[in-house]
Amino acid sequence: MKIVDFENGCLEDFYELISKNIIRIRKEKKVSQLKLANAIGHQNATFLGKAELLAENKHFNLEHLYKISVVLEVDISEFFKNHKRNI
């Protein structure tokens, strides 16, 4: 079994990857934060905005990811892919 130091920022990097992919896909599909938040059962976009920005240590859980994938009509695996763009 591999010993991993989860205090070195790897979880934050993982959450950031997911957030960036959700933002990218949401914008590609032209869906506002409010519309997505409402579609997954939130009354306003506050949580979604904080989770996208990783503000106040907020991040998406599995239920959020599942609901977002259904609403945005993408495979949930898209949230975990590293999409590097050539500039």
C-alpha atoms as a PDB file:
ATOM      1  CA  MET A   1       0.000   0.000   0.000  1.00  0.00           C
ATOM      2  CA  LYS A   2       1.239   3.457  -0.929  1.00  0.00           C
ATOM      3  CA  ILE A   3       1.649   6.008   1.831  1.00  0.00           C
ATOM      4  CA  VAL A   4       0.361   9.398   0.705  1.00  0.00           C
ATOM      5  CA  ASP A   5       0.743  12.744   2.401  1.00  0.00           C
ATOM      6  CA  PHE A   6      -2.667  14.331   1.824  1.00  0.00           C
ATOM      7  CA  GLU A   7      -1.484  17.522   3.524  1.00  0.00           C
ATOM      8  CA  ASN A   8       0.733  18.498   0.564  1.00  0.00           C
ATOM      9  CA  GLY A   9      -2.019  20.088  -1.522  1.00  0.00           C
ATOM     10  CA  CYS A  10      -2.955  17.107  -3.698  1.00  0.00           C
ATOM     11  CA  LEU A  11      -6.596  17.220  -2.556  1.00  0.00           C
ATOM     12  CA  GLU A  12      -6.800  20.924  -3.311  1.00  0.00           C
ATOM     13  CA  ASP A  13      -5.368  20.242  -6.781  1.00  0.00           C
ATOM     14  CA  PHE A  14      -7.982  17.512  -7.270  1.00  0.00           C
ATOM     15  CA  TYR A  15     -10.826  19.825  -6.230  1.00  0.00           C
ATOM     16  CA  GLU A  16      -9.439  22.556  -8.499  1.00  0.00           C
ATOM     17  CA  LEU A  17      -9.371  20.193 -11.495  1.00  0.00           C
ATOM     18  CA  ILE A  18     -13.014  19.274 -10.927  1.00  0.00           C
ATOM     19  CA  SER A  19     -14.075  22.895 -10.445  1.00  0.00           C
ATOM     20  CA  LYS A  20     -12.291  24.083 -13.580  1.00  0.00           C
ATOM     21  CA  ASN A  21     -13.922  21.335 -15.629  1.00  0.00           C
ATOM     22  CA  ILE A  22     -17.375  22.128 -14.282  1.00  0.00           C
ATOM     23  CA  ILE A  23     -16.891  25.822 -15.075  1.00  0.00           C
ATOM     24  CA  ARG A  24     -15.589  25.012 -18.565  1.00  0.00           C
ATOM     25  CA  ILE A  25     -18.422  22.613 -19.407  1.00  0.00           C
ATOM     26  CA  ARG A  26     -21.086  24.868 -17.875  1.00  0.00           C
ATOM     27  CA  LYS A  27     -19.860  27.807 -19.953  1.00  0.00           C
ATOM     28  CA  GLU A  28     -19.568  25.707 -23.139  1.00  0.00           C
ATOM     29  CA  LYS A  29     -23.203  24.717 -22.646  1.00  0.00           C
ATOM     30  CA  LYS A  30     -24.128  28.347 -21.884  1.00  0.00           C
ATOM     31  CA  VAL A  31     -25.678  27.508 -18.514  1.00  0.00           C
ATOM     32  CA  SER A  32     -25.555  30.131 -15.771  1.00  0.00           C
ATOM     33  CA  GLN A  33     -24.571  29.332 -12.211  1.00  0.00           C
ATOM     34  CA  LEU A  34     -28.103  30.108 -11.099  1.00  0.00           C
ATOM     35  CA  LYS A  35     -29.752  27.805 -13.647  1.00  0.00           C
ATOM     36  CA  LEU A  36     -27.381  24.962 -12.769  1.00  0.00           C
ATOM     37  CA  ALA A  37     -27.821  25.549  -9.042  1.00  0.00           C
ATOM     38  CA  ASN A  38     -31.617  25.503  -9.399  1.00  0.00           C
ATOM     39  CA  ALA A  39     -31.481  22.359 -11.539  1.00  0.00           C
ATOM     40  CA  ILE A  40     -29.526  20.463  -8.864  1.00  0.00           C
ATOM     41  CA  GLY A  41     -31.856  21.586  -6.067  1.00  0.00           C
ATOM     42  CA  HIS A  42     -30.380  24.811  -4.697  1.00  0.00           C
ATOM     43  CA  GLN A  43     -32.451  27.980  -4.338  1.00  0.00           C
ATOM     44  CA  ASN A  44     -29.600  30.294  -5.344  1.00  0.00           C
ATOM     45  CA  ALA A  45     -26.133  30.162  -6.871  1.00  0.00           C
ATOM     46  CA  THR A  46     -24.204  30.842  -3.648  1.00  0.00           C
ATOM     47  CA  PHE A  47     -23.036  27.274  -3.006  1.00  0.00           C
ATOM     48  CA  LEU A  48     -22.268  26.613  -6.666  1.00  0.00           C
ATOM     49  CA  GLY A  49     -20.237  29.809  -6.948  1.00  0.00           C
ATOM     50  CA  LYS A  50     -18.268  29.043  -3.811  1.00  0.00           C
ATOM     51  CA  ALA A  51     -17.646  25.445  -4.875  1.00  0.00           C
ATOM     52  CA  GLU A  52     -16.491  26.531  -8.335  1.00  0.00           C
ATOM     53  CA  LEU A  53     -14.036  28.980  -6.751  1.00  0.00           C
ATOM     54  CA  LEU A  54     -13.182  26.678  -3.824  1.00  0.00           C
ATOM     55  CA  ALA A  55     -14.122  29.558  -1.540  1.00  0.00           C
ATOM     56  CA  GLU A  56     -14.630  28.941   2.171  1.00  0.00           C
ATOM     57  CA  ASN A  57     -13.322  25.374   1.683  1.00  0.00           C
ATOM     58  CA  LYS A  58     -16.458  24.454  -0.322  1.00  0.00           C
ATOM     59  CA  HIS A  59     -16.252  21.737  -2.947  1.00  0.00           C
ATOM     60  CA  PHE A  60     -18.515  19.358  -4.822  1.00  0.00           C
ATOM     61  CA  ASN A  61     -19.447  15.983  -3.368  1.00  0.00           C
ATOM     62  CA  LEU A  62     -20.436  12.871  -5.316  1.00  0.00           C
ATOM     63  CA  GLU A  63     -24.129  13.751  -5.291  1.00  0.00           C
ATOM     64  CA  HIS A  64     -23.380  17.191  -6.717  1.00  0.00           C
ATOM     65  CA  LEU A  65     -21.148  15.718  -9.424  1.00  0.00           C
ATOM     66  CA  TYR A  66     -23.781  13.165 -10.401  1.00  0.00           C
ATOM     67  CA  LYS A  67     -26.558  15.763 -10.593  1.00  0.00           C
ATOM     68  CA  ILE A  68     -24.387  18.238 -12.507  1.00  0.00           C
ATOM     69  CA  SER A  69     -23.370  15.550 -15.002  1.00  0.00           C
ATOM     70  CA  VAL A  70     -27.019  14.677 -15.626  1.00  0.00           C
ATOM     71  CA  VAL A  71     -28.108  18.302 -15.997  1.00  0.00           C
ATOM     72  CA  LEU A  72     -25.196  19.212 -18.280  1.00  0.00           C
ATOM     73  CA  GLU A  73     -25.584  15.925 -20.188  1.00  0.00           C
ATOM     74  CA  VAL A  74     -21.948  14.858 -19.849  1.00  0.00           C
ATOM     75  CA  ASP A  75     -20.320  11.715 -18.563  1.00  0.00           C
ATOM     76  CA  ILE A  76     -19.231  12.267 -14.964  1.00  0.00           C
ATOM     77  CA  SER A  77     -15.704  11.230 -15.938  1.00  0.00           C
ATOM     78  CA  GLU A  78     -15.350  14.535 -17.822  1.00  0.00           C
ATOM     79  CA  PHE A  79     -14.974  16.295 -14.475  1.00  0.00           C
ATOM     80  CA  PHE A  80     -11.793  14.352 -13.702  1.00  0.00           C
ATOM     81  CA  LYS A  81      -9.938  14.837 -16.993  1.00  0.00           C
ATOM     82  CA  ASN A  82      -6.958  17.139 -17.320  1.00  0.00           C
ATOM     83  CA  HIS A  83      -7.744  19.369 -20.315  1.00  0.00           C
ATOM     84  CA  LYS A  84      -4.676  21.395 -21.127  1.00  0.00           C
ATOM     85  CA  ARG A  85      -5.137  23.915 -23.901  1.00  0.00           C
ATOM     86  CA  ASN A  86      -2.388  24.973 -26.232  1.00  0.00           C
ATOM     87  CA  ILE A  87      -1.970  28.735 -26.240  1.00  0.00           C
END
